[in-house]
Amino acid sequence: MAGQRIGLLGGSFNPAHGGHRHISLAALRRLGLDAVWWLVSPQNPLKPADGMAPLAERLAGARALARHPRIRVAALETLLGTRYTADTLMALKRRFPGVRFVWLMGADNLIQVSDWENWTQIFHAVPVAVLARPTYSLRASSAKAAQRFRRGRLSEQRAAGLADREPPAWAFLHIRLSALSATQIRAARRG
């Protein structure tokens, strides 16, 4: 595994949907990644437990949807005993010292990442790729995190080398937009 470039896409995956797969495939291609790991969170500290499907069900759904040899699905926070992204990243870096990780997030998360526990440590731990999302992309550039780490932003043309950069380094990737959202899927299921 040493020397590999691995994108990390964390989330509740409640449920996993085509948007997750879409941004994973875009990240594989645009960032020159060897793999993308979906980190299915046992419980997002910022989301209510009410309405959260059991972890085993979310893992099974994510695995069924991923359907790609370079997308791997796991509950690594459960295995590592971590709860917050910053802690998970540090544990993964200790466990896989030669791997070049890149944190993947949608533009919606860039807007609210400053609410996460120890959020600045995320940007100091690994490079970050922000992928466009409908209705969020325009606001993302003025987000607190974007402003705080503006000097570490790479142009989109240089994003292919993001995994090899020393953090803090991040790039915003304009990709074909997917309107899929877990919130809308859950609402449709209830309706």
C-alpha atoms as a PDB file:
ATOM      1  CA  MET A   1       0.000   0.000   0.000  1.00  0.00           C
ATOM      2  CA  ALA A   2       2.907   2.366   0.530  1.00  0.00           C
ATOM      3  CA  GLY A   3       2.966   5.045  -2.134  1.00  0.00           C
ATOM      4  CA  GLN A   4      -0.678   4.628  -3.072  1.00  0.00           C
ATOM      5  CA  ARG A   5      -2.951   7.653  -3.443  1.00  0.00           C
ATOM      6  CA  ILE A   6      -6.249   7.009  -1.695  1.00  0.00           C
ATOM      7  CA  GLY A   7      -9.261   9.290  -1.545  1.00  0.00           C
ATOM      8  CA  LEU A   8     -11.352   9.162   1.604  1.00  0.00           C
ATOM      9  CA  LEU A   9     -15.071   9.908   1.362  1.00  0.00           C
ATOM     10  CA  GLY A  10     -16.683   9.973   4.772  1.00  0.00           C
ATOM     11  CA  GLY A  11     -20.347  10.167   5.588  1.00  0.00           C
ATOM     12  CA  SER A  12     -23.444   8.545   6.977  1.00  0.00           C
ATOM     13  CA  PHE A  13     -24.389   7.003   3.614  1.00  0.00           C
ATOM     14  CA  ASN A  14     -27.982   7.044   4.869  1.00  0.00           C
ATOM     15  CA  PRO A  15     -28.520   5.832   2.186  1.00  0.00           C
ATOM     16  CA  ALA A  16     -25.618   5.620  -0.244  1.00  0.00           C
ATOM     17  CA  HIS A  17     -26.669   6.940  -3.653  1.00  0.00           C
ATOM     18  CA  GLY A  18     -25.390   7.545  -7.149  1.00  0.00           C
ATOM     19  CA  GLY A  19     -23.987  10.950  -6.183  1.00  0.00           C
ATOM     20  CA  HIS A  20     -21.467   9.244  -3.882  1.00  0.00           C
ATOM     21  CA  ARG A  21     -20.375   6.964  -6.706  1.00  0.00           C
ATOM     22  CA  HIS A  22     -20.303   9.858  -9.180  1.00  0.00           C
ATOM     23  CA  ILE A  23     -17.926  11.992  -7.099  1.00  0.00           C
ATOM     24  CA  SER A  24     -15.785   8.940  -6.299  1.00  0.00           C
ATOM     25  CA  LEU A  25     -15.319   8.120  -9.979  1.00  0.00           C
ATOM     26  CA  ALA A  26     -14.591  11.777 -10.756  1.00  0.00           C
ATOM     27  CA  ALA A  27     -11.997  11.890  -7.956  1.00  0.00           C
ATOM     28  CA  LEU A  28     -10.333   8.681  -9.176  1.00  0.00           C
ATOM     29  CA  ARG A  29      -9.992  10.152 -12.640  1.00  0.00           C
ATOM     30  CA  ARG A  30      -9.207  13.808 -11.883  1.00  0.00           C
ATOM     31  CA  LEU A  31      -6.869  13.269  -8.923  1.00  0.00           C
ATOM     32  CA  GLY A  32      -5.026  10.204 -10.216  1.00  0.00           C
ATOM     33  CA  LEU A  33      -6.083   8.142  -7.209  1.00  0.00           C
ATOM     34  CA  ASP A  34      -5.445   4.428  -6.857  1.00  0.00           C
ATOM     35  CA  ALA A  35      -8.615   3.923  -4.816  1.00  0.00           C
ATOM     36  CA  VAL A  36     -11.409   5.670  -2.945  1.00  0.00           C
ATOM     37  CA  TRP A  37     -12.467   4.409   0.463  1.00  0.00           C
ATOM     38  CA  TRP A  38     -15.993   5.138   1.620  1.00  0.00           C
ATOM     39  CA  LEU A  39     -15.859   5.635   5.387  1.00  0.00           C
ATOM     40  CA  VAL A  40     -19.358   4.819   6.592  1.00  0.00           C
ATOM     41  CA  SER A  41     -19.763   6.602   9.906  1.00  0.00           C
ATOM     42  CA  PRO A  42     -21.394   4.726  12.785  1.00  0.00           C
ATOM     43  CA  GLN A  43     -23.063   8.039  13.786  1.00  0.00           C
ATOM     44  CA  ASN A  44     -22.304  11.511  12.514  1.00  0.00           C
ATOM     45  CA  PRO A  45     -21.945  13.689  15.643  1.00  0.00           C
ATOM     46  CA  LEU A  46     -23.720  16.556  13.854  1.00  0.00           C
ATOM     47  CA  LYS A  47     -26.746  14.530  12.762  1.00  0.00           C
ATOM     48  CA  PRO A  48     -29.582  13.130  14.882  1.00  0.00           C
ATOM     49  CA  ALA A  49     -29.591   9.393  15.541  1.00  0.00           C
ATOM     50  CA  ASP A  50     -33.350   9.414  14.890  1.00  0.00           C
ATOM     51  CA  GLY A  51     -33.913   8.251  11.324  1.00  0.00           C
ATOM     52  CA  MET A  52     -30.411   6.798  10.973  1.00  0.00           C
ATOM     53  CA  ALA A  53     -30.524   3.301   9.490  1.00  0.00           C
ATOM     54  CA  PRO A  54     -28.428   0.671  11.308  1.00  0.00           C
ATOM     55  CA  LEU A  55     -24.738   0.666  10.369  1.00  0.00           C
ATOM     56  CA  ALA A  56     -24.883  -2.844   8.859  1.00  0.00           C
ATOM     57  CA  GLU A  57     -27.734  -1.773   6.569  1.00  0.00           C
ATOM     58  CA  ARG A  58     -25.898   1.366   5.440  1.00  0.00           C
ATOM     59  CA  LEU A  59     -22.709  -0.630   4.803  1.00  0.00           C
ATOM     60  CA  ALA A  60     -24.592  -3.220   2.758  1.00  0.00           C
ATOM     61  CA  GLY A  61     -26.300  -0.500   0.718  1.00  0.00           C
ATOM     62  CA  ALA A  62     -22.997   1.281   0.086  1.00  0.00           C
ATOM     63  CA  ARG A  63     -21.284  -1.931  -1.004  1.00  0.00           C
ATOM     64  CA  ALA A  64     -24.126  -2.779  -3.371  1.00  0.00           C
ATOM     65  CA  LEU A  65     -23.951   0.679  -4.921  1.00  0.00           C
ATOM     66  CA  ALA A  66     -20.165   1.102  -5.137  1.00  0.00           C
ATOM     67  CA  ARG A  67     -19.727  -1.677  -7.748  1.00  0.00           C
ATOM     68  CA  HIS A  68     -16.214  -0.677  -8.711  1.00  0.00           C
ATOM     69  CA  PRO A  69     -12.930  -2.488  -8.062  1.00  0.00           C
ATOM     70  CA  ARG A  70     -11.267   0.726  -6.858  1.00  0.00           C
ATOM     71  CA  ILE A  71     -14.037   1.827  -4.466  1.00  0.00           C
ATOM     72  CA  ARG A  72     -13.886   0.118  -1.085  1.00  0.00           C
ATOM     73  CA  VAL A  73     -16.520   0.444   1.635  1.00  0.00           C
ATOM     74  CA  ALA A  74     -15.767   0.072   5.342  1.00  0.00           C
ATOM     75  CA  ALA A  75     -16.748   1.224   8.811  1.00  0.00           C
ATOM     76  CA  LEU A  76     -13.178   2.258   9.647  1.00  0.00           C
ATOM     77  CA  GLU A  77     -14.223   4.613  12.453  1.00  0.00           C
ATOM     78  CA  THR A  78     -15.685   1.614  14.238  1.00  0.00           C
ATOM     79  CA  LEU A  79     -12.477  -0.385  13.695  1.00  0.00           C
ATOM     80  CA  LEU A  80     -10.225   2.535  14.692  1.00  0.00           C
ATOM     81  CA  GLY A  81     -12.374   3.623  17.641  1.00  0.00           C
ATOM     82  CA  THR A  82     -12.621   7.206  16.362  1.00  0.00           C
ATOM     83  CA  ARG A  83     -15.613   9.527  16.204  1.00  0.00           C
ATOM     84  CA  TYR A  84     -14.381  12.703  14.531  1.00  0.00           C
ATOM     85  CA  THR A  85     -12.881  13.073  11.060  1.00  0.00           C
ATOM     86  CA  ALA A  86      -9.699  14.738  12.341  1.00  0.00           C
ATOM     87  CA  ASP A  87      -9.064  11.796  14.691  1.00  0.00           C
ATOM     88  CA  THR A  88      -9.867   9.258  11.969  1.00  0.00           C
ATOM     89  CA  LEU A  89      -7.381  10.873   9.597  1.00  0.00           C
ATOM     90  CA  MET A  90      -4.611  10.843  12.195  1.00  0.00           C
ATOM     91  CA  ALA A  91      -5.322   7.175  13.004  1.00  0.00           C
ATOM     92  CA  LEU A  92      -5.260   6.226   9.307  1.00  0.00           C
ATOM     93  CA  LYS A  93      -1.984   8.067   8.768  1.00  0.00           C
ATOM     94  CA  ARG A  94      -0.443   6.168  11.697  1.00  0.00           C
ATOM     95  CA  ARG A  95      -1.801   2.841  10.471  1.00  0.00           C
ATOM     96  CA  PHE A  96      -0.776   3.391   6.819  1.00  0.00           C
ATOM     97  CA  PRO A  97       2.289   5.655   6.992  1.00  0.00           C
ATOM     98  CA  GLY A  98       3.284   5.388   3.326  1.00  0.00           C
ATOM     99  CA  VAL A  99      -0.170   6.085   1.877  1.00  0.00           C
ATOM    100  CA  ARG A 100      -0.973   9.517   0.450  1.00  0.00           C
ATOM    101  CA  PHE A 101      -4.536  10.209   1.556  1.00  0.00           C
ATOM    102  CA  VAL A 102      -6.821  12.908   0.152  1.00  0.00           C
ATOM    103  CA  TRP A 103     -10.001  13.889   1.984  1.00  0.00           C
ATOM    104  CA  LEU A 104     -12.931  14.176  -0.435  1.00  0.00           C
ATOM    105  CA  MET A 105     -15.922  16.353   0.330  1.00  0.00           C
ATOM    106  CA  GLY A 106     -18.781  17.980  -1.475  1.00  0.00           C
ATOM    107  CA  ALA A 107     -19.063  21.756  -1.688  1.00  0.00           C
ATOM    108  CA  ASP A 108     -21.895  21.552   0.866  1.00  0.00           C
ATOM    109  CA  ASN A 109     -19.421  20.213   3.429  1.00  0.00           C
ATOM    110  CA  LEU A 110     -16.854  22.918   2.723  1.00  0.00           C
ATOM    111  CA  ILE A 111     -19.507  25.434   3.727  1.00  0.00           C
ATOM    112  CA  GLN A 112     -20.110  23.814   7.118  1.00  0.00           C
ATOM    113  CA  VAL A 113     -16.804  22.024   7.859  1.00  0.00           C
ATOM    114  CA  SER A 114     -15.921  24.822  10.297  1.00  0.00           C
ATOM    115  CA  ASP A 115     -18.603  23.333  12.586  1.00  0.00           C
ATOM    116  CA  TRP A 116     -16.730  20.018  12.750  1.00  0.00           C
ATOM    117  CA  GLU A 117     -14.623  19.057  15.753  1.00  0.00           C
ATOM    118  CA  ASN A 118     -10.981  20.132  15.243  1.00  0.00           C
ATOM    119  CA  TRP A 119     -11.771  21.053  11.642  1.00  0.00           C
ATOM    120  CA  THR A 120      -8.491  22.861  10.952  1.00  0.00           C
ATOM    121  CA  GLN A 121      -6.611  19.644  11.783  1.00  0.00           C
ATOM    122  CA  ILE A 122      -8.288  18.018   8.767  1.00  0.00           C
ATOM    123  CA  PHE A 123      -6.663  20.548   6.437  1.00  0.00           C
ATOM    124  CA  HIS A 124      -3.309  20.167   8.197  1.00  0.00           C
ATOM    125  CA  ALA A 125      -3.470  16.353   8.111  1.00  0.00           C
ATOM    126  CA  VAL A 126      -4.136  15.615   4.437  1.00  0.00           C
ATOM    127  CA  PRO A 127      -4.836  17.433   1.164  1.00  0.00           C
ATOM    128  CA  VAL A 128      -8.539  18.091   0.558  1.00  0.00           C
ATOM    129  CA  ALA A 129     -10.514  17.870  -2.684  1.00  0.00           C
ATOM    130  CA  VAL A 130     -13.833  19.698  -2.780  1.00  0.00           C
ATOM    131  CA  LEU A 131     -16.249  18.497  -5.449  1.00  0.00           C
ATOM    132  CA  ALA A 132     -18.980  20.690  -6.876  1.00  0.00           C
ATOM    133  CA  ARG A 133     -22.565  20.152  -5.690  1.00  0.00           C
ATOM    134  CA  PRO A 134     -25.713  21.841  -6.999  1.00  0.00           C
ATOM    135  CA  THR A 135     -26.713  25.038  -5.155  1.00  0.00           C
ATOM    136  CA  TYR A 136     -23.607  24.960  -2.904  1.00  0.00           C
ATOM    137  CA  SER A 137     -20.714  25.548  -5.259  1.00  0.00           C
ATOM    138  CA  LEU A 138     -21.092  29.320  -5.553  1.00  0.00           C
ATOM    139  CA  ARG A 139     -21.173  29.812  -1.761  1.00  0.00           C
ATOM    140  CA  ALA A 140     -18.266  27.437  -1.134  1.00  0.00           C
ATOM    141  CA  SER A 141     -15.542  29.913  -2.126  1.00  0.00           C
ATOM    142  CA  SER A 142     -16.643  32.315   0.616  1.00  0.00           C
ATOM    143  CA  ALA A 143     -16.854  29.615   3.308  1.00  0.00           C
ATOM    144  CA  LYS A 144     -14.796  30.065   6.462  1.00  0.00           C
ATOM    145  CA  ALA A 145     -12.551  27.096   5.553  1.00  0.00           C
ATOM    146  CA  ALA A 146     -11.967  28.373   2.007  1.00  0.00           C
ATOM    147  CA  GLN A 147     -10.936  31.751   3.377  1.00  0.00           C
ATOM    148  CA  ARG A 148      -8.797  30.321   6.176  1.00  0.00           C
ATOM    149  CA  PHE A 149      -6.839  28.070   3.784  1.00  0.00           C
ATOM    150  CA  ARG A 150      -6.956  30.257   0.642  1.00  0.00           C
ATOM    151  CA  ARG A 151      -3.157  30.205   0.324  1.00  0.00           C
ATOM    152  CA  GLY A 152      -3.206  26.413   0.087  1.00  0.00           C
ATOM    153  CA  ARG A 153      -5.700  26.322  -2.773  1.00  0.00           C
ATOM    154  CA  LEU A 154      -4.463  24.780  -6.005  1.00  0.00           C
ATOM    155  CA  SER A 155      -5.868  25.665  -9.370  1.00  0.00           C
ATOM    156  CA  GLU A 156      -8.101  23.030 -10.867  1.00  0.00           C
ATOM    157  CA  GLN A 157      -5.481  22.404 -13.551  1.00  0.00           C
ATOM    158  CA  ARG A 158      -2.956  21.409 -10.860  1.00  0.00           C
ATOM    159  CA  ALA A 159      -5.379  19.231  -8.888  1.00  0.00           C
ATOM    160  CA  ALA A 160      -4.044  16.012 -10.416  1.00  0.00           C
ATOM    161  CA  GLY A 161      -0.996  16.397  -8.155  1.00  0.00           C
ATOM    162  CA  LEU A 162      -3.004  17.107  -5.006  1.00  0.00           C
ATOM    163  CA  ALA A 163      -2.169  13.798  -3.300  1.00  0.00           C
ATOM    164  CA  ASP A 164       1.535  14.629  -3.527  1.00  0.00           C
ATOM    165  CA  ARG A 165       1.181  18.047  -1.878  1.00  0.00           C
ATOM    166  CA  GLU A 166       2.048  18.864   1.701  1.00  0.00           C
ATOM    167  CA  PRO A 167      -1.044  20.041   3.567  1.00  0.00           C
ATOM    168  CA  PRO A 168      -2.642  22.418   3.882  1.00  0.00           C
ATOM    169  CA  ALA A 169      -3.450  22.023   0.213  1.00  0.00           C
ATOM    170  CA  TRP A 170      -6.856  21.830  -1.391  1.00  0.00           C
ATOM    171  CA  ALA A 171      -8.580  22.120  -4.737  1.00  0.00           C
ATOM    172  CA  PHE A 172     -12.106  22.732  -5.934  1.00  0.00           C
ATOM    173  CA  LEU A 173     -13.167  20.417  -8.756  1.00  0.00           C
ATOM    174  CA  HIS A 174     -15.947  21.388 -11.109  1.00  0.00           C
ATOM    175  CA  ILE A 175     -17.621  18.167 -12.142  1.00  0.00           C
ATOM    176  CA  ARG A 176     -20.887  17.254 -13.804  1.00  0.00           C
ATOM    177  CA  LEU A 177     -23.431  17.995 -11.104  1.00  0.00           C
ATOM    178  CA  SER A 178     -25.607  15.329  -9.543  1.00  0.00           C
ATOM    179  CA  ALA A 179     -28.784  16.445  -7.806  1.00  0.00           C
ATOM    180  CA  LEU A 180     -29.034  13.216  -5.790  1.00  0.00           C
ATOM    181  CA  SER A 181     -29.200  13.674  -2.038  1.00  0.00           C
ATOM    182  CA  ALA A 182     -29.681  11.233   0.819  1.00  0.00           C
ATOM    183  CA  THR A 183     -32.072  13.695   2.492  1.00  0.00           C
ATOM    184  CA  GLN A 184     -34.346  13.717  -0.569  1.00  0.00           C
ATOM    185  CA  ILE A 185     -34.153   9.920  -0.916  1.00  0.00           C
ATOM    186  CA  ARG A 186     -35.196   9.442   2.744  1.00  0.00           C
ATOM    187  CA  ALA A 187     -38.051  11.951   2.331  1.00  0.00           C
ATOM    188  CA  ALA A 188     -39.301  10.135  -0.794  1.00  0.00           C
ATOM    189  CA  ARG A 189     -39.228   6.796   1.051  1.00  0.00           C
ATOM    190  CA  ARG A 190     -41.294   8.244   3.910  1.00  0.00           C
ATOM    191  CA  GLY A 191     -43.774   9.845   1.496  1.00  0.00           C
END
